[in-house]
Amino acid sequence: MRLAVLGAGAWGTALAITFSSRYDVGLWEHDIAHFTHLRTHRSSRFLPGFSLPETIQFHSAITDALARAELALIAVPMQGLRQTMRAMTSSRVPGILACKGFEPGGQCLPNQVAAEELAKGTRYAILSGPSFAQEVAQGLPAALTLASSDKTFAQSTAKELHSQKLRIYSSNDVIGVAVGGAVKNVMAIAAGIADGMGLGHNARAALITRGLAEITRLGMKMGGRPETFMGLAGAGDLILTCTGDLSRNRQVGLMLAAGQPLSQILGKLGHVAEGVTTAREVQQLASELKVDLPITRAVHRVLYEDVPAKVALQELLDRDPKAESY
């Protein structure tokens, strides 16, 4: 199978490395400087220390990457997704959306952007679940969920891409999978703040659990199914992102707890931390849908209202007790 991977950040490059052992893989990168570097079969910025297989073909033009492709894996940041979708319109190649979050300024999930921009009838799915790019590139085991409203497409594509090291399960709950993949990044920032302030394992467990409740409340309001949030794209991805040291969003929280300004933090990362923009979109969406998301609100206050992390945390702890529910 000819597979086009669109986006050569950490995740796109890791997927290209993984699938190149079984498929004819073309990797597209729009930035000419990074594209030139990739041709040395290295990705020093995103996956330092890894060699990219000689079999991977590199493309600076998206039309070249999509030519002859039977499936496209789209792994660009959310702010670049709509433009990438528009460039794919004429090809009608089925797409797997491997990006997470809400479109900045539009509150659109990846599947909603695809529905608006891809040619009518083009099949697509969402790929999400607990997976750090570095570990996937190393060939360590991971499990993901592939969701499409076209159940047959989800099942057949999951079966095709499934392997011993990258296990892929199918679903038709596109909204649930997309919401879980987006909002967990906001919770990871909160977890990083809590860890950075030395609140301990008990507090982290409580935050993850109540964070899952927030994801579930919002996701169900948008049409997702509760069982999805208990699975790989919900609880699984949330736990990994809130506890793993490779989590960029958790790193943002750790640095916020240390009092570093957001602009400085983002400059240090060198990668996109989707939770930063997602927090703003989720907070706006929660207000419009009248869904109570106290952890999200606290993160938003720290990121966009210049509220010190310590103050936002104290406000969370001072909340009146309630019955535990979703």
C-alpha atoms as a PDB file:
ATOM      1  CA  MET A   1       0.000   0.000   0.000  1.00  0.00           C
ATOM      2  CA  ARG A   2       1.163   3.522  -0.807  1.00  0.00           C
ATOM      3  CA  LEU A   3       0.826   5.671   2.334  1.00  0.00           C
ATOM      4  CA  ALA A   4       1.209   9.466   2.442  1.00  0.00           C
ATOM      5  CA  VAL A   5       2.088  10.978   5.814  1.00  0.00           C
ATOM      6  CA  LEU A   6       1.281  14.693   5.821  1.00  0.00           C
ATOM      7  CA  GLY A   7       3.235  16.569   8.462  1.00  0.00           C
ATOM      8  CA  ALA A   8       6.785  15.783   9.594  1.00  0.00           C
ATOM      9  CA  GLY A   9       6.610  16.833  13.209  1.00  0.00           C
ATOM     10  CA  ALA A  10       7.317  14.298  15.947  1.00  0.00           C
ATOM     11  CA  TRP A  11       4.078  12.331  15.501  1.00  0.00           C
ATOM     12  CA  GLY A  12       4.038  12.314  11.717  1.00  0.00           C
ATOM     13  CA  THR A  13       7.684  11.271  11.564  1.00  0.00           C
ATOM     14  CA  ALA A  14       7.126   8.516  14.138  1.00  0.00           C
ATOM     15  CA  LEU A  15       4.207   7.156  12.108  1.00  0.00           C
ATOM     16  CA  ALA A  16       6.272   7.288   8.932  1.00  0.00           C
ATOM     17  CA  ILE A  17       9.070   5.316  10.630  1.00  0.00           C
ATOM     18  CA  THR A  18       6.613   2.751  11.980  1.00  0.00           C
ATOM     19  CA  PHE A  19       4.705   2.109   8.766  1.00  0.00           C
ATOM     20  CA  SER A  20       7.731   2.215   6.453  1.00  0.00           C
ATOM     21  CA  SER A  21       8.557  -1.367   7.407  1.00  0.00           C
ATOM     22  CA  ARG A  22       5.316  -2.534   5.772  1.00  0.00           C
ATOM     23  CA  TYR A  23       4.268   0.117   3.283  1.00  0.00           C
ATOM     24  CA  ASP A  24       5.565   2.451   0.606  1.00  0.00           C
ATOM     25  CA  VAL A  25       5.661   5.680   2.640  1.00  0.00           C
ATOM     26  CA  GLY A  26       5.933   9.269   1.426  1.00  0.00           C
ATOM     27  CA  LEU A  27       6.468  11.984   4.074  1.00  0.00           C
ATOM     28  CA  TRP A  28       5.416  15.563   3.255  1.00  0.00           C
ATOM     29  CA  GLU A  29       6.881  18.638   4.947  1.00  0.00           C
ATOM     30  CA  HIS A  30       5.951  22.166   3.830  1.00  0.00           C
ATOM     31  CA  ASP A  31       8.852  23.946   5.558  1.00  0.00           C
ATOM     32  CA  ILE A  32      11.747  23.876   3.086  1.00  0.00           C
ATOM     33  CA  ALA A  33      14.484  24.067   5.732  1.00  0.00           C
ATOM     34  CA  HIS A  34      13.049  21.112   7.643  1.00  0.00           C
ATOM     35  CA  PHE A  35      12.396  19.232   4.397  1.00  0.00           C
ATOM     36  CA  THR A  36      16.057  19.666   3.417  1.00  0.00           C
ATOM     37  CA  HIS A  37      17.133  18.381   6.830  1.00  0.00           C
ATOM     38  CA  LEU A  38      14.835  15.353   6.552  1.00  0.00           C
ATOM     39  CA  ARG A  39      16.621  14.303   3.386  1.00  0.00           C
ATOM     40  CA  THR A  40      19.634  13.517   5.591  1.00  0.00           C
ATOM     41  CA  HIS A  41      17.333  10.910   7.190  1.00  0.00           C
ATOM     42  CA  ARG A  42      17.390  12.744  10.495  1.00  0.00           C
ATOM     43  CA  SER A  43      14.838  14.838  12.404  1.00  0.00           C
ATOM     44  CA  SER A  44      17.037  16.575  14.960  1.00  0.00           C
ATOM     45  CA  ARG A  45      14.344  18.999  16.076  1.00  0.00           C
ATOM     46  CA  PHE A  46      11.464  16.578  16.624  1.00  0.00           C
ATOM     47  CA  LEU A  47      12.990  13.121  17.048  1.00  0.00           C
ATOM     48  CA  PRO A  48      16.670  13.594  17.879  1.00  0.00           C
ATOM     49  CA  GLY A  49      18.723  10.411  17.876  1.00  0.00           C
ATOM     50  CA  PHE A  50      16.532   8.558  15.387  1.00  0.00           C
ATOM     51  CA  SER A  51      17.490   7.523  11.872  1.00  0.00           C
ATOM     52  CA  LEU A  52      14.712   7.677   9.305  1.00  0.00           C
ATOM     53  CA  PRO A  53      14.609   4.574   7.097  1.00  0.00           C
ATOM     54  CA  GLU A  54      16.096   4.925   3.627  1.00  0.00           C
ATOM     55  CA  THR A  55      12.832   3.653   2.153  1.00  0.00           C
ATOM     56  CA  ILE A  56      10.893   6.789   3.177  1.00  0.00           C
ATOM     57  CA  GLN A  57      10.424   9.236   0.320  1.00  0.00           C
ATOM     58  CA  PHE A  58      10.380  12.931   1.235  1.00  0.00           C
ATOM     59  CA  HIS A  59       8.179  15.516  -0.497  1.00  0.00           C
ATOM     60  CA  SER A  60       7.982  19.300  -0.291  1.00  0.00           C
ATOM     61  CA  ALA A  61       4.863  19.412  -2.501  1.00  0.00           C
ATOM     62  CA  ILE A  62       1.696  17.871  -1.095  1.00  0.00           C
ATOM     63  CA  THR A  63       0.520  16.861  -4.572  1.00  0.00           C
ATOM     64  CA  ASP A  64       3.636  14.732  -4.983  1.00  0.00           C
ATOM     65  CA  ALA A  65       3.047  13.044  -1.625  1.00  0.00           C
ATOM     66  CA  LEU A  66      -0.574  12.256  -2.513  1.00  0.00           C
ATOM     67  CA  ALA A  67       0.148  11.029  -6.035  1.00  0.00           C
ATOM     68  CA  ARG A  68      -0.570   7.279  -6.111  1.00  0.00           C
ATOM     69  CA  ALA A  69      -1.363   7.318  -2.364  1.00  0.00           C
ATOM     70  CA  GLU A  70      -4.100   4.952  -1.215  1.00  0.00           C
ATOM     71  CA  LEU A  71      -4.333   6.428   2.280  1.00  0.00           C
ATOM     72  CA  ALA A  72      -3.200   9.708   3.855  1.00  0.00           C
ATOM     73  CA  LEU A  73      -2.192  10.085   7.499  1.00  0.00           C
ATOM     74  CA  ILE A  74      -2.633  13.753   8.433  1.00  0.00           C
ATOM     75  CA  ALA A  75      -0.416  14.702  11.374  1.00  0.00           C
ATOM     76  CA  VAL A  76      -0.219  18.486  11.122  1.00  0.00           C
ATOM     77  CA  PRO A  77      -0.961  20.842  14.067  1.00  0.00           C
ATOM     78  CA  MET A  78      -4.595  21.895  14.355  1.00  0.00           C
ATOM     79  CA  GLN A  79      -3.889  25.415  13.112  1.00  0.00           C
ATOM     80  CA  GLY A  80      -2.657  23.967   9.822  1.00  0.00           C
ATOM     81  CA  LEU A  81      -5.303  21.291   9.354  1.00  0.00           C
ATOM     82  CA  ARG A  82      -7.848  23.275   7.323  1.00  0.00           C
ATOM     83  CA  GLN A  83      -5.240  24.439   4.809  1.00  0.00           C
ATOM     84  CA  THR A  84      -3.964  20.863   4.473  1.00  0.00           C
ATOM     85  CA  MET A  85      -7.505  19.561   3.938  1.00  0.00           C
ATOM     86  CA  ARG A  86      -8.063  22.104   1.176  1.00  0.00           C
ATOM     87  CA  ALA A  87      -4.885  20.961  -0.542  1.00  0.00           C
ATOM     88  CA  MET A  88      -6.203  17.380  -0.439  1.00  0.00           C
ATOM     89  CA  THR A  89      -9.597  18.127  -1.974  1.00  0.00           C
ATOM     90  CA  SER A  90      -8.794  17.214  -5.562  1.00  0.00           C
ATOM     91  CA  SER A  91      -7.076  13.929  -4.655  1.00  0.00           C
ATOM     92  CA  ARG A  92     -10.036  12.308  -2.841  1.00  0.00           C
ATOM     93  CA  VAL A  93      -7.553  10.074  -0.980  1.00  0.00           C
ATOM     94  CA  PRO A  94      -9.100   8.627   2.231  1.00  0.00           C
ATOM     95  CA  GLY A  95      -7.665  10.399   5.264  1.00  0.00           C
ATOM     96  CA  ILE A  96      -6.712   9.413   8.802  1.00  0.00           C
ATOM     97  CA  LEU A  97      -6.684  12.455  11.078  1.00  0.00           C
ATOM     98  CA  ALA A  98      -3.825  11.976  13.539  1.00  0.00           C
ATOM     99  CA  CYS A  99      -4.053  15.443  15.102  1.00  0.00           C
ATOM    100  CA  LYS A 100      -5.754  16.409  18.349  1.00  0.00           C
ATOM    101  CA  GLY A 101      -7.422  19.545  19.640  1.00  0.00           C
ATOM    102  CA  PHE A 102      -9.820  22.262  18.559  1.00  0.00           C
ATOM    103  CA  GLU A 103      -9.129  24.594  15.663  1.00  0.00           C
ATOM    104  CA  PRO A 104      -7.938  27.922  17.094  1.00  0.00           C
ATOM    105  CA  GLY A 105     -10.693  30.496  16.907  1.00  0.00           C
ATOM    106  CA  GLY A 106     -13.260  28.113  15.500  1.00  0.00           C
ATOM    107  CA  GLN A 107     -13.997  25.413  18.110  1.00  0.00           C
ATOM    108  CA  CYS A 108     -13.946  22.780  15.362  1.00  0.00           C
ATOM    109  CA  LEU A 109     -12.669  19.278  16.064  1.00  0.00           C
ATOM    110  CA  PRO A 110     -10.505  17.581  13.388  1.00  0.00           C
ATOM    111  CA  ASN A 111     -13.443  15.595  12.017  1.00  0.00           C
ATOM    112  CA  GLN A 112     -15.534  18.759  11.694  1.00  0.00           C
ATOM    113  CA  VAL A 113     -12.784  20.473   9.706  1.00  0.00           C
ATOM    114  CA  ALA A 114     -12.552  17.400   7.451  1.00  0.00           C
ATOM    115  CA  ALA A 115     -16.322  17.332   6.925  1.00  0.00           C
ATOM    116  CA  GLU A 116     -16.239  20.972   5.817  1.00  0.00           C
ATOM    117  CA  GLU A 117     -13.161  20.833   3.592  1.00  0.00           C
ATOM    118  CA  LEU A 118     -12.780  17.391   2.004  1.00  0.00           C
ATOM    119  CA  ALA A 119     -14.569  16.563  -1.205  1.00  0.00           C
ATOM    120  CA  LYS A 120     -18.005  15.076  -0.644  1.00  0.00           C
ATOM    121  CA  GLY A 121     -17.828  11.312  -0.261  1.00  0.00           C
ATOM    122  CA  THR A 122     -14.162  11.230   0.811  1.00  0.00           C
ATOM    123  CA  ARG A 123     -13.769   8.757   3.638  1.00  0.00           C
ATOM    124  CA  TYR A 124     -11.898   9.774   6.781  1.00  0.00           C
ATOM    125  CA  ALA A 125     -11.318   8.657  10.359  1.00  0.00           C
ATOM    126  CA  ILE A 126      -9.814   9.924  13.627  1.00  0.00           C
ATOM    127  CA  LEU A 127      -6.765   8.203  15.163  1.00  0.00           C
ATOM    128  CA  SER A 128      -6.245   8.792  18.883  1.00  0.00           C
ATOM    129  CA  GLY A 129      -5.102   7.117  22.063  1.00  0.00           C
ATOM    130  CA  PRO A 130      -2.162   6.914  24.488  1.00  0.00           C
ATOM    131  CA  SER A 131       0.944   7.272  22.336  1.00  0.00           C
ATOM    132  CA  PHE A 132       4.152   9.243  22.703  1.00  0.00           C
ATOM    133  CA  ALA A 133       5.856   9.743  19.341  1.00  0.00           C
ATOM    134  CA  GLN A 134       9.284   8.830  20.683  1.00  0.00           C
ATOM    135  CA  GLU A 135       8.145   5.424  21.952  1.00  0.00           C
ATOM    136  CA  VAL A 136       6.238   4.650  18.750  1.00  0.00           C
ATOM    137  CA  ALA A 137       9.352   5.522  16.726  1.00  0.00           C
ATOM    138  CA  GLN A 138      11.342   3.146  18.956  1.00  0.00           C
ATOM    139  CA  GLY A 139       8.935   0.352  18.099  1.00  0.00           C
ATOM    140  CA  LEU A 140       7.606   0.016  21.642  1.00  0.00           C
ATOM    141  CA  PRO A 141       4.025  -1.343  21.959  1.00  0.00           C
ATOM    142  CA  ALA A 142       1.071   1.053  21.862  1.00  0.00           C
ATOM    143  CA  ALA A 143      -2.682   0.797  21.348  1.00  0.00           C
ATOM    144  CA  LEU A 144      -4.857   3.356  19.547  1.00  0.00           C
ATOM    145  CA  THR A 145      -8.465   3.861  18.509  1.00  0.00           C
ATOM    146  CA  LEU A 146      -9.491   4.557  14.914  1.00  0.00           C
ATOM    147  CA  ALA A 147     -12.968   6.090  14.684  1.00  0.00           C
ATOM    148  CA  SER A 148     -15.142   6.826  11.666  1.00  0.00           C
ATOM    149  CA  SER A 149     -18.849   7.322  11.116  1.00  0.00           C
ATOM    150  CA  ASP A 150     -18.326   4.814   8.291  1.00  0.00           C
ATOM    151  CA  LYS A 151     -18.099   1.672  10.416  1.00  0.00           C
ATOM    152  CA  THR A 152     -16.884  -0.497   7.549  1.00  0.00           C
ATOM    153  CA  PHE A 153     -14.080   1.966   6.749  1.00  0.00           C
ATOM    154  CA  ALA A 154     -13.030   2.107  10.412  1.00  0.00           C
ATOM    155  CA  GLN A 155     -12.931  -1.673  10.734  1.00  0.00           C
ATOM    156  CA  SER A 156     -11.136  -2.384   7.457  1.00  0.00           C
ATOM    157  CA  THR A 157      -8.562   0.382   7.944  1.00  0.00           C
ATOM    158  CA  ALA A 158      -7.893  -0.586  11.557  1.00  0.00           C
ATOM    159  CA  LYS A 159      -7.352  -4.173  10.427  1.00  0.00           C
ATOM    160  CA  GLU A 160      -4.977  -3.053   7.676  1.00  0.00           C
ATOM    161  CA  LEU A 161      -2.852  -0.785   9.922  1.00  0.00           C
ATOM    162  CA  HIS A 162      -2.941  -3.052  12.988  1.00  0.00           C
ATOM    163  CA  SER A 163       0.278  -4.752  14.028  1.00  0.00           C
ATOM    164  CA  GLN A 164       1.749  -6.444  17.069  1.00  0.00           C
ATOM    165  CA  LYS A 165       3.478  -3.252  18.179  1.00  0.00           C
ATOM    166  CA  LEU A 166       0.834  -0.751  17.097  1.00  0.00           C
ATOM    167  CA  ARG A 167      -2.505  -2.258  17.996  1.00  0.00           C
ATOM    168  CA  ILE A 168      -5.453  -0.389  16.493  1.00  0.00           C
ATOM    169  CA  TYR A 169      -9.061  -0.788  17.608  1.00  0.00           C
ATOM    170  CA  SER A 170     -12.032   0.490  15.597  1.00  0.00           C
ATOM    171  CA  SER A 171     -14.920   2.672  16.759  1.00  0.00           C
ATOM    172  CA  ASN A 172     -17.763   4.665  15.238  1.00  0.00           C
ATOM    173  CA  ASP A 173     -17.855   7.270  18.024  1.00  0.00           C
ATOM    174  CA  VAL A 174     -15.983  10.002  16.179  1.00  0.00           C
ATOM    175  CA  ILE A 175     -17.044  12.805  18.530  1.00  0.00           C
ATOM    176  CA  GLY A 176     -16.072  10.886  21.667  1.00  0.00           C
ATOM    177  CA  VAL A 177     -12.641   9.968  20.327  1.00  0.00           C
ATOM    178  CA  ALA A 178     -11.984  13.521  19.097  1.00  0.00           C
ATOM    179  CA  VAL A 179     -13.098  15.189  22.346  1.00  0.00           C
ATOM    180  CA  GLY A 180     -11.052  12.802  24.469  1.00  0.00           C
ATOM    181  CA  GLY A 181      -7.943  13.476  22.397  1.00  0.00           C
ATOM    182  CA  ALA A 182      -8.427  17.237  22.630  1.00  0.00           C
ATOM    183  CA  VAL A 183      -9.381  17.946  26.233  1.00  0.00           C
ATOM    184  CA  LYS A 184      -6.855  15.573  27.831  1.00  0.00           C
ATOM    185  CA  ASN A 185      -4.153  18.072  26.863  1.00  0.00           C
ATOM    186  CA  VAL A 186      -5.793  20.730  29.036  1.00  0.00           C
ATOM    187  CA  MET A 187      -5.862  18.282  31.942  1.00  0.00           C
ATOM    188  CA  ALA A 188      -2.182  17.502  31.383  1.00  0.00           C
ATOM    189  CA  ILE A 189      -1.336  21.180  31.882  1.00  0.00           C
ATOM    190  CA  ALA A 190      -3.287  21.075  35.153  1.00  0.00           C
ATOM    191  CA  ALA A 191      -1.469  17.902  36.214  1.00  0.00           C
ATOM    192  CA  GLY A 192       1.878  19.525  35.456  1.00  0.00           C
ATOM    193  CA  ILE A 193       0.957  22.523  37.605  1.00  0.00           C
ATOM    194  CA  ALA A 194      -0.056  20.241  40.497  1.00  0.00           C
ATOM    195  CA  ASP A 195       3.131  18.182  40.200  1.00  0.00           C
ATOM    196  CA  GLY A 196       5.259  21.310  39.882  1.00  0.00           C
ATOM    197  CA  MET A 197       3.802  22.611  43.130  1.00  0.00           C
ATOM    198  CA  GLY A 198       4.614  19.349  44.878  1.00  0.00           C
ATOM    199  CA  LEU A 199       1.043  18.357  45.697  1.00  0.00           C
ATOM    200  CA  GLY A 200       1.785  14.636  45.564  1.00  0.00           C
ATOM    201  CA  HIS A 201       0.387  11.484  44.011  1.00  0.00           C
ATOM    202  CA  ASN A 202      -2.978  11.670  45.786  1.00  0.00           C
ATOM    203  CA  ALA A 203      -3.705  15.078  44.284  1.00  0.00           C
ATOM    204  CA  ARG A 204      -2.622  13.904  40.834  1.00  0.00           C
ATOM    205  CA  ALA A 205      -4.952  10.895  41.007  1.00  0.00           C
ATOM    206  CA  ALA A 206      -7.838  13.124  42.084  1.00  0.00           C
ATOM    207  CA  LEU A 207      -7.121  15.587  39.285  1.00  0.00           C
ATOM    208  CA  ILE A 208      -6.993  12.866  36.630  1.00  0.00           C
ATOM    209  CA  THR A 209     -10.250  11.351  37.863  1.00  0.00           C
ATOM    210  CA  ARG A 210     -12.111  14.647  37.983  1.00  0.00           C
ATOM    211  CA  GLY A 211     -10.499  15.623  34.684  1.00  0.00           C
ATOM    212  CA  LEU A 212     -11.998  12.507  33.135  1.00  0.00           C
ATOM    213  CA  ALA A 213     -15.372  13.603  34.517  1.00  0.00           C
ATOM    214  CA  GLU A 214     -14.991  16.952  32.736  1.00  0.00           C
ATOM    215  CA  ILE A 215     -14.040  15.282  29.448  1.00  0.00           C
ATOM    216  CA  THR A 216     -17.018  12.965  29.744  1.00  0.00           C
ATOM    217  CA  ARG A 217     -19.481  15.772  30.560  1.00  0.00           C
ATOM    218  CA  LEU A 218     -18.406  17.854  27.603  1.00  0.00           C
ATOM    219  CA  GLY A 219     -18.108  14.880  25.254  1.00  0.00           C
ATOM    220  CA  MET A 220     -21.570  13.536  26.042  1.00  0.00           C
ATOM    221  CA  LYS A 221     -23.059  17.005  25.629  1.00  0.00           C
ATOM    222  CA  MET A 222     -21.541  17.074  22.151  1.00  0.00           C
ATOM    223  CA  GLY A 223     -22.859  13.607  21.287  1.00  0.00           C
ATOM    224  CA  GLY A 224     -20.072  11.258  22.379  1.00  0.00           C
ATOM    225  CA  ARG A 225     -20.738   7.952  24.140  1.00  0.00           C
ATOM    226  CA  PRO A 226     -19.718   7.382  27.783  1.00  0.00           C
ATOM    227  CA  GLU A 227     -17.926   4.093  27.095  1.00  0.00           C
ATOM    228  CA  THR A 228     -15.525   5.870  24.736  1.00  0.00           C
ATOM    229  CA  PHE A 229     -14.236   8.024  27.579  1.00  0.00           C
ATOM    230  CA  MET A 230     -13.428   4.919  29.611  1.00  0.00           C
ATOM    231  CA  GLY A 231     -11.305   3.559  26.767  1.00  0.00           C
ATOM    232  CA  LEU A 232      -8.023   4.261  24.993  1.00  0.00           C
ATOM    233  CA  ALA A 233      -9.021   7.652  23.567  1.00  0.00           C
ATOM    234  CA  GLY A 234     -10.384   8.796  26.932  1.00  0.00           C
ATOM    235  CA  ALA A 235      -8.929   7.429  30.161  1.00  0.00           C
ATOM    236  CA  GLY A 236      -5.942   5.854  28.424  1.00  0.00           C
ATOM    237  CA  ASP A 237      -4.713   9.000  26.700  1.00  0.00           C
ATOM    238  CA  LEU A 238      -5.530  11.130  29.748  1.00  0.00           C
ATOM    239  CA  ILE A 239      -3.481   8.978  32.119  1.00  0.00           C
ATOM    240  CA  LEU A 240      -0.488   8.906  29.794  1.00  0.00           C
ATOM    241  CA  THR A 241      -0.491  12.639  29.095  1.00  0.00           C
ATOM    242  CA  CYS A 242      -0.921  13.598  32.746  1.00  0.00           C
ATOM    243  CA  THR A 243       1.808  11.308  34.095  1.00  0.00           C
ATOM    244  CA  GLY A 244       4.404  10.784  31.345  1.00  0.00           C
ATOM    245  CA  ASP A 245       7.558  12.872  31.296  1.00  0.00           C
ATOM    246  CA  LEU A 246       7.422  12.975  27.475  1.00  0.00           C
ATOM    247  CA  SER A 247       4.162  14.975  27.615  1.00  0.00           C
ATOM    248  CA  ARG A 248       4.678  18.487  26.237  1.00  0.00           C
ATOM    249  CA  ASN A 249       1.482  19.734  27.867  1.00  0.00           C
ATOM    250  CA  ARG A 250       2.536  18.407  31.254  1.00  0.00           C
ATOM    251  CA  GLN A 251       5.864  20.211  30.762  1.00  0.00           C
ATOM    252  CA  VAL A 252       3.937  23.447  30.184  1.00  0.00           C
ATOM    253  CA  GLY A 253       2.203  22.968  33.534  1.00  0.00           C
ATOM    254  CA  LEU A 254       5.468  22.230  35.337  1.00  0.00           C
ATOM    255  CA  MET A 255       7.010  25.430  34.005  1.00  0.00           C
ATOM    256  CA  LEU A 256       3.900  27.476  34.817  1.00  0.00           C
ATOM    257  CA  ALA A 257       4.124  26.212  38.407  1.00  0.00           C
ATOM    258  CA  ALA A 258       7.708  27.463  38.485  1.00  0.00           C
ATOM    259  CA  GLY A 259       6.467  30.933  37.580  1.00  0.00           C
ATOM    260  CA  GLN A 260       7.769  31.049  34.010  1.00  0.00           C
ATOM    261  CA  PRO A 261       5.781  33.223  31.564  1.00  0.00           C
ATOM    262  CA  LEU A 262       3.852  31.391  28.854  1.00  0.00           C
ATOM    263  CA  SER A 263       5.707  33.067  25.978  1.00  0.00           C
ATOM    264  CA  GLN A 264       9.027  31.875  27.379  1.00  0.00           C
ATOM    265  CA  ILE A 265       7.672  28.361  27.946  1.00  0.00           C
ATOM    266  CA  LEU A 266       6.431  28.010  24.373  1.00  0.00           C
ATOM    267  CA  GLY A 267       9.758  29.254  23.065  1.00  0.00           C
ATOM    268  CA  LYS A 268      11.608  26.601  25.065  1.00  0.00           C
ATOM    269  CA  LEU A 269       9.409  23.712  23.938  1.00  0.00           C
ATOM    270  CA  GLY A 270      10.163  23.933  20.244  1.00  0.00           C
ATOM    271  CA  HIS A 271       7.060  21.771  19.664  1.00  0.00           C
ATOM    272  CA  VAL A 272       3.341  22.527  19.583  1.00  0.00           C
ATOM    273  CA  ALA A 273       1.555  22.069  22.928  1.00  0.00           C
ATOM    274  CA  GLU A 274      -2.055  21.754  21.742  1.00  0.00           C
ATOM    275  CA  GLY A 275      -3.471  22.146  25.253  1.00  0.00           C
ATOM    276  CA  VAL A 276      -2.564  25.850  25.327  1.00  0.00           C
ATOM    277  CA  THR A 277      -4.883  26.811  22.455  1.00  0.00           C
ATOM    278  CA  THR A 278      -7.373  24.056  23.265  1.00  0.00           C
ATOM    279  CA  ALA A 279      -7.962  25.471  26.777  1.00  0.00           C
ATOM    280  CA  ARG A 280      -9.284  28.701  25.269  1.00  0.00           C
ATOM    281  CA  GLU A 281     -11.599  26.933  22.832  1.00  0.00           C
ATOM    282  CA  VAL A 282     -12.892  24.444  25.426  1.00  0.00           C
ATOM    283  CA  GLN A 283     -13.586  27.215  27.924  1.00  0.00           C
ATOM    284  CA  GLN A 284     -15.612  29.123  25.317  1.00  0.00           C
ATOM    285  CA  LEU A 285     -17.440  25.977  24.242  1.00  0.00           C
ATOM    286  CA  ALA A 286     -18.252  25.030  27.846  1.00  0.00           C
ATOM    287  CA  SER A 287     -19.734  28.474  28.397  1.00  0.00           C
ATOM    288  CA  GLU A 288     -21.900  28.202  25.283  1.00  0.00           C
ATOM    289  CA  LEU A 289     -23.063  24.654  26.127  1.00  0.00           C
ATOM    290  CA  LYS A 290     -23.453  25.439  29.853  1.00  0.00           C
ATOM    291  CA  VAL A 291     -21.163  22.595  30.932  1.00  0.00           C
ATOM    292  CA  ASP A 292     -19.314  22.995  34.231  1.00  0.00           C
ATOM    293  CA  LEU A 293     -15.567  22.425  33.714  1.00  0.00           C
ATOM    294  CA  PRO A 294     -13.772  23.801  36.808  1.00  0.00           C
ATOM    295  CA  ILE A 295     -10.324  22.368  35.992  1.00  0.00           C
ATOM    296  CA  THR A 296     -10.480  23.726  32.465  1.00  0.00           C
ATOM    297  CA  ARG A 297     -11.583  27.090  33.823  1.00  0.00           C
ATOM    298  CA  ALA A 298      -8.637  27.155  36.241  1.00  0.00           C
ATOM    299  CA  VAL A 299      -6.146  26.348  33.467  1.00  0.00           C
ATOM    300  CA  HIS A 300      -7.698  29.033  31.265  1.00  0.00           C
ATOM    301  CA  ARG A 301      -7.302  31.594  34.043  1.00  0.00           C
ATOM    302  CA  VAL A 302      -3.616  30.793  34.403  1.00  0.00           C
ATOM    303  CA  LEU A 303      -2.945  30.848  30.657  1.00  0.00           C
ATOM    304  CA  TYR A 304      -5.056  33.812  29.566  1.00  0.00           C
ATOM    305  CA  GLU A 305      -6.071  35.864  32.597  1.00  0.00           C
ATOM    306  CA  ASP A 306      -2.664  36.256  34.274  1.00  0.00           C
ATOM    307  CA  VAL A 307      -3.870  34.441  37.376  1.00  0.00           C
ATOM    308  CA  PRO A 308      -0.939  32.849  39.273  1.00  0.00           C
ATOM    309  CA  ALA A 309      -1.040  29.058  39.307  1.00  0.00           C
ATOM    310  CA  LYS A 310      -1.112  29.057  43.107  1.00  0.00           C
ATOM    311  CA  VAL A 311      -4.221  31.268  43.160  1.00  0.00           C
ATOM    312  CA  ALA A 312      -6.077  29.198  40.553  1.00  0.00           C
ATOM    313  CA  LEU A 313      -5.227  26.026  42.476  1.00  0.00           C
ATOM    314  CA  GLN A 314      -6.513  27.476  45.727  1.00  0.00           C
ATOM    315  CA  GLU A 315      -9.774  28.427  44.037  1.00  0.00           C
ATOM    316  CA  LEU A 316     -10.193  24.795  42.931  1.00  0.00           C
ATOM    317  CA  LEU A 317      -9.505  23.495  46.440  1.00  0.00           C
ATOM    318  CA  ASP A 318     -11.958  25.974  47.960  1.00  0.00           C
ATOM    319  CA  ARG A 319     -14.899  24.716  45.871  1.00  0.00           C
ATOM    320  CA  ASP A 320     -17.882  23.415  47.837  1.00  0.00           C
ATOM    321  CA  PRO A 321     -18.177  19.608  48.040  1.00  0.00           C
ATOM    322  CA  LYS A 322     -20.634  17.910  45.700  1.00  0.00           C
ATOM    323  CA  ALA A 323     -21.901  14.414  44.973  1.00  0.00           C
ATOM    324  CA  GLU A 324     -19.462  12.560  42.731  1.00  0.00           C
ATOM    325  CA  SER A 325     -20.897  12.350  39.215  1.00  0.00           C
ATOM    326  CA  TYR A 326     -20.121  12.966  35.607  1.00  0.00           C
END
